[in-house]
Amino acid sequence: MVGVQYSKKKLPGYINSPCNRSFHYILLVGRGFDDNVKKDFFYFIDVGRTIDNKSEATSKSNKLYVDKTSKFISGEYFNKKYTITEIRTNKIK
């Protein structure tokens, strides 16, 4: 699971994560290489969408691209630019 920021303005006193950098959380479910833009990417699922938006939340077009120059991972989703701001690892028991 990763935290992302997007173009929404932050409200005063709004805290959504322990590090106060993430507005929303998504789940990375795969990766690939996009020949059209010549970049690596990660597929993601938006776990915060309602069942009415299931097709958008699980779409194969949900991609965050790796920018090797800026070292950011970001992509467009619902007319907002999502940028990864934190990574939460799985705990294996």
N, C-alpha and C. Protein backbone atom coordinates (compact mmCIF):
# COMPACT_ATOMS: atom_id res chain seq x y z
N MET A 1 0.85 -1.16 0.00
CA MET A 1 0.00 0.00 0.00
C MET A 1 0.90 1.23 0.00
N VAL A 2 0.48 2.24 -0.75
CA VAL A 2 1.24 3.48 -0.81
C VAL A 2 0.32 4.67 -0.55
N GLY A 3 0.90 5.70 0.05
CA GLY A 3 0.19 6.95 0.24
C GLY A 3 0.50 7.87 -0.92
N VAL A 4 -0.49 8.66 -1.33
CA VAL A 4 -0.30 9.59 -2.43
C VAL A 4 -0.81 10.97 -2.05
N GLN A 5 -0.23 11.96 -2.69
CA GLN A 5 -0.76 13.31 -2.65
C GLN A 5 -1.37 13.57 -4.01
N TYR A 6 -2.34 14.46 -4.05
CA TYR A 6 -2.90 14.86 -5.32
C TYR A 6 -3.20 16.35 -5.27
N SER A 7 -3.72 16.89 -6.33
CA SER A 7 -3.84 18.33 -6.50
C SER A 7 -4.89 18.99 -5.63
N LYS A 8 -5.54 18.26 -4.76
CA LYS A 8 -6.53 18.84 -3.86
C LYS A 8 -5.82 19.66 -2.79
N LYS A 9 -6.38 20.82 -2.45
CA LYS A 9 -5.77 21.65 -1.41
C LYS A 9 -6.01 21.02 -0.04
N LYS A 10 -5.03 21.12 0.80
CA LYS A 10 -5.09 20.56 2.14
C LYS A 10 -5.87 21.51 3.05
N LEU A 11 -6.77 20.96 3.84
CA LEU A 11 -7.55 21.77 4.76
C LEU A 11 -6.77 22.01 6.05
N PRO A 12 -6.96 23.14 6.71
CA PRO A 12 -6.24 23.40 7.97
C PRO A 12 -6.52 22.32 9.00
N GLY A 13 -5.47 21.82 9.63
CA GLY A 13 -5.61 20.80 10.66
C GLY A 13 -5.89 19.41 10.14
N TYR A 14 -5.88 19.23 8.82
CA TYR A 14 -6.19 17.94 8.21
C TYR A 14 -4.99 17.01 8.28
N ILE A 15 -5.15 15.89 8.93
CA ILE A 15 -4.08 14.89 9.01
C ILE A 15 -4.67 13.55 8.62
N ASN A 16 -4.14 12.96 7.56
CA ASN A 16 -4.64 11.68 7.08
C ASN A 16 -3.59 10.58 7.20
N SER A 17 -2.40 10.91 7.61
CA SER A 17 -1.36 9.90 7.75
C SER A 17 -0.41 10.32 8.85
N PRO A 18 0.30 9.34 9.41
CA PRO A 18 1.24 9.67 10.47
C PRO A 18 2.31 10.67 10.04
N CYS A 19 2.70 10.64 8.77
CA CYS A 19 3.75 11.55 8.32
C CYS A 19 3.17 12.84 7.75
N ASN A 20 1.84 12.95 7.69
CA ASN A 20 1.16 14.15 7.22
C ASN A 20 1.53 14.52 5.78
N ARG A 21 1.87 13.52 4.97
CA ARG A 21 2.23 13.79 3.57
C ARG A 21 1.25 13.16 2.58
N SER A 22 0.42 12.25 3.05
CA SER A 22 -0.47 11.52 2.14
C SER A 22 -1.91 11.94 2.34
N PHE A 23 -2.60 12.15 1.21
CA PHE A 23 -4.02 12.48 1.24
C PHE A 23 -4.89 11.22 1.11
N HIS A 24 -4.33 10.18 0.50
CA HIS A 24 -5.13 9.02 0.11
C HIS A 24 -4.20 7.81 0.01
N TYR A 25 -4.76 6.61 0.09
CA TYR A 25 -3.97 5.39 -0.03
C TYR A 25 -4.50 4.53 -1.17
N ILE A 26 -3.57 3.92 -1.90
CA ILE A 26 -3.91 3.02 -2.99
C ILE A 26 -3.05 1.76 -2.86
N LEU A 27 -3.44 0.73 -3.58
CA LEU A 27 -2.74 -0.55 -3.52
C LEU A 27 -2.06 -0.83 -4.85
N LEU A 28 -0.74 -1.00 -4.83
CA LEU A 28 -0.01 -1.37 -6.05
C LEU A 28 -0.20 -2.86 -6.29
N VAL A 29 -0.58 -3.24 -7.53
CA VAL A 29 -0.91 -4.63 -7.82
C VAL A 29 -0.12 -5.22 -8.99
N GLY A 30 0.74 -4.44 -9.59
CA GLY A 30 1.52 -4.96 -10.71
C GLY A 30 2.43 -3.88 -11.25
N ARG A 31 3.26 -4.28 -12.21
CA ARG A 31 4.14 -3.32 -12.85
C ARG A 31 4.36 -3.71 -14.29
N GLY A 32 4.90 -2.77 -15.05
CA GLY A 32 5.14 -3.04 -16.46
C GLY A 32 5.95 -1.94 -17.10
N PHE A 33 6.04 -2.01 -18.42
CA PHE A 33 6.74 -0.98 -19.19
C PHE A 33 5.80 -0.52 -20.29
N ASP A 34 5.58 0.77 -20.39
CA ASP A 34 4.70 1.34 -21.40
C ASP A 34 5.55 1.73 -22.61
N ASP A 35 5.38 1.00 -23.71
CA ASP A 35 6.16 1.27 -24.93
C ASP A 35 5.82 2.62 -25.55
N ASN A 36 4.60 3.11 -25.33
CA ASN A 36 4.20 4.39 -25.92
C ASN A 36 4.95 5.57 -25.31
N VAL A 37 5.15 5.55 -23.99
CA VAL A 37 5.84 6.67 -23.33
C VAL A 37 7.25 6.30 -22.88
N LYS A 38 7.62 5.03 -23.11
CA LYS A 38 8.98 4.54 -22.78
C LYS A 38 9.31 4.72 -21.30
N LYS A 39 8.35 4.33 -20.43
CA LYS A 39 8.56 4.44 -18.98
C LYS A 39 8.04 3.19 -18.27
N ASP A 40 8.70 2.87 -17.15
CA ASP A 40 8.19 1.84 -16.25
C ASP A 40 6.98 2.41 -15.52
N PHE A 41 6.06 1.53 -15.11
CA PHE A 41 4.88 1.98 -14.37
C PHE A 41 4.44 0.92 -13.38
N PHE A 42 3.59 1.33 -12.45
CA PHE A 42 2.93 0.44 -11.50
C PHE A 42 1.43 0.55 -11.71
N TYR A 43 0.75 -0.61 -11.80
CA TYR A 43 -0.71 -0.64 -11.79
C TYR A 43 -1.16 -0.43 -10.35
N PHE A 44 -2.31 0.24 -10.16
CA PHE A 44 -2.85 0.38 -8.81
C PHE A 44 -4.36 0.21 -8.78
N ILE A 45 -4.85 -0.14 -7.61
CA ILE A 45 -6.28 -0.21 -7.33
C ILE A 45 -6.58 0.86 -6.29
N ASP A 46 -7.64 1.60 -6.51
CA ASP A 46 -8.07 2.61 -5.55
C ASP A 46 -9.03 1.96 -4.57
N VAL A 47 -8.54 1.62 -3.41
CA VAL A 47 -9.34 0.90 -2.41
C VAL A 47 -10.37 1.80 -1.74
N GLY A 48 -10.32 3.10 -1.98
CA GLY A 48 -11.25 4.03 -1.35
C GLY A 48 -12.48 4.34 -2.18
N ARG A 49 -12.62 3.76 -3.35
CA ARG A 49 -13.78 4.01 -4.21
C ARG A 49 -14.96 3.16 -3.78
N THR A 50 -16.16 3.64 -4.05
CA THR A 50 -17.37 2.89 -3.74
C THR A 50 -17.58 1.79 -4.78
N ILE A 51 -18.48 0.88 -4.50
CA ILE A 51 -18.79 -0.21 -5.42
C ILE A 51 -19.31 0.33 -6.75
N ASP A 52 -19.96 1.50 -6.73
CA ASP A 52 -20.45 2.12 -7.97
C ASP A 52 -19.30 2.52 -8.90
N ASN A 53 -18.10 2.74 -8.34
CA ASN A 53 -16.94 3.13 -9.13
C ASN A 53 -15.93 2.00 -9.27
N LYS A 54 -16.39 0.76 -9.12
CA LYS A 54 -15.48 -0.40 -9.14
C LYS A 54 -14.68 -0.47 -10.45
N SER A 55 -15.33 -0.22 -11.58
CA SER A 55 -14.63 -0.34 -12.86
C SER A 55 -13.49 0.68 -12.97
N GLU A 56 -13.72 1.89 -12.48
CA GLU A 56 -12.65 2.90 -12.49
C GLU A 56 -11.57 2.57 -11.47
N ALA A 57 -11.96 2.08 -10.31
CA ALA A 57 -11.01 1.79 -9.23
C ALA A 57 -10.07 0.65 -9.58
N THR A 58 -10.49 -0.25 -10.46
CA THR A 58 -9.69 -1.43 -10.80
C THR A 58 -9.23 -1.43 -12.26
N SER A 59 -9.34 -0.30 -12.93
CA SER A 59 -9.02 -0.20 -14.35
C SER A 59 -7.53 -0.45 -14.63
N LYS A 60 -7.25 -1.11 -15.75
CA LYS A 60 -5.86 -1.32 -16.18
C LYS A 60 -5.20 -0.01 -16.62
N SER A 61 -5.98 1.05 -16.75
CA SER A 61 -5.38 2.35 -17.09
C SER A 61 -4.89 3.10 -15.85
N ASN A 62 -5.10 2.54 -14.67
CA ASN A 62 -4.61 3.15 -13.43
C ASN A 62 -3.12 2.86 -13.30
N LYS A 63 -2.32 3.81 -13.75
CA LYS A 63 -0.87 3.62 -13.79
C LYS A 63 -0.15 4.81 -13.15
N LEU A 64 0.88 4.50 -12.40
CA LEU A 64 1.79 5.51 -11.88
C LEU A 64 3.12 5.27 -12.55
N TYR A 65 3.64 6.29 -13.21
CA TYR A 65 4.87 6.16 -14.00
C TYR A 65 6.10 6.56 -13.20
N VAL A 66 7.18 5.85 -13.45
CA VAL A 66 8.46 6.12 -12.80
C VAL A 66 9.22 7.14 -13.65
N ASP A 67 9.50 8.29 -13.06
CA ASP A 67 10.31 9.31 -13.73
C ASP A 67 11.72 9.19 -13.18
N LYS A 68 12.60 8.61 -13.97
CA LYS A 68 13.97 8.34 -13.50
C LYS A 68 14.79 9.62 -13.34
N THR A 69 14.39 10.70 -13.98
CA THR A 69 15.11 11.96 -13.84
C THR A 69 14.77 12.64 -12.52
N SER A 70 13.46 12.82 -12.26
CA SER A 70 13.03 13.50 -11.04
C SER A 70 12.97 12.56 -9.83
N LYS A 71 12.96 11.25 -10.12
CA LYS A 71 12.86 10.21 -9.10
C LYS A 71 11.50 10.21 -8.39
N PHE A 72 10.46 10.70 -9.09
CA PHE A 72 9.10 10.66 -8.60
C PHE A 72 8.33 9.56 -9.32
N ILE A 73 7.31 9.04 -8.65
CA ILE A 73 6.39 8.08 -9.25
C ILE A 73 5.01 8.72 -9.20
N SER A 74 4.43 8.99 -10.37
CA SER A 74 3.16 9.70 -10.40
C SER A 74 2.37 9.35 -11.65
N GLY A 75 1.10 9.75 -11.64
CA GLY A 75 0.23 9.52 -12.79
C GLY A 75 -1.09 10.25 -12.63
N GLU A 76 -1.85 10.31 -13.71
CA GLU A 76 -3.15 10.98 -13.72
C GLU A 76 -4.24 9.98 -13.35
N TYR A 77 -5.16 10.43 -12.48
CA TYR A 77 -6.29 9.60 -12.06
C TYR A 77 -7.42 10.53 -11.63
N PHE A 78 -8.60 10.37 -12.22
CA PHE A 78 -9.76 11.21 -11.95
C PHE A 78 -9.40 12.70 -12.04
N ASN A 79 -8.69 13.07 -13.09
CA ASN A 79 -8.30 14.45 -13.38
C ASN A 79 -7.42 15.08 -12.30
N LYS A 80 -6.69 14.25 -11.57
CA LYS A 80 -5.74 14.73 -10.57
C LYS A 80 -4.41 14.03 -10.80
N LYS A 81 -3.33 14.70 -10.46
CA LYS A 81 -2.02 14.09 -10.54
C LYS A 81 -1.71 13.45 -9.19
N TYR A 82 -1.60 12.12 -9.18
CA TYR A 82 -1.26 11.38 -7.97
C TYR A 82 0.25 11.16 -7.93
N THR A 83 0.87 11.49 -6.80
CA THR A 83 2.30 11.29 -6.62
C THR A 83 2.53 10.51 -5.33
N ILE A 84 3.31 9.43 -5.41
CA ILE A 84 3.59 8.62 -4.22
C ILE A 84 4.40 9.44 -3.22
N THR A 85 3.94 9.42 -1.96
CA THR A 85 4.62 10.15 -0.89
C THR A 85 5.06 9.25 0.26
N GLU A 86 4.51 8.04 0.33
CA GLU A 86 4.95 7.10 1.37
C GLU A 86 4.66 5.68 0.93
N ILE A 87 5.48 4.76 1.42
CA ILE A 87 5.32 3.35 1.10
C ILE A 87 5.17 2.59 2.40
N ARG A 88 4.14 1.78 2.48
CA ARG A 88 3.92 0.94 3.66
C ARG A 88 4.12 -0.51 3.24
N THR A 89 5.04 -1.17 3.89
CA THR A 89 5.36 -2.54 3.54
C THR A 89 4.43 -3.52 4.24
N ASN A 90 4.30 -4.72 3.66
CA ASN A 90 3.55 -5.79 4.28
C ASN A 90 4.35 -6.39 5.41
N LYS A 91 3.69 -6.75 6.49
CA LYS A 91 4.36 -7.45 7.58
C LYS A 91 4.11 -8.93 7.42
N ILE A 92 5.17 -9.70 7.29
CA ILE A 92 5.07 -11.15 7.12
C ILE A 92 5.21 -11.79 8.48
N LYS A 93 4.24 -12.63 8.82
CA LYS A 93 4.29 -13.32 10.13
C LYS A 93 4.81 -14.72 9.98
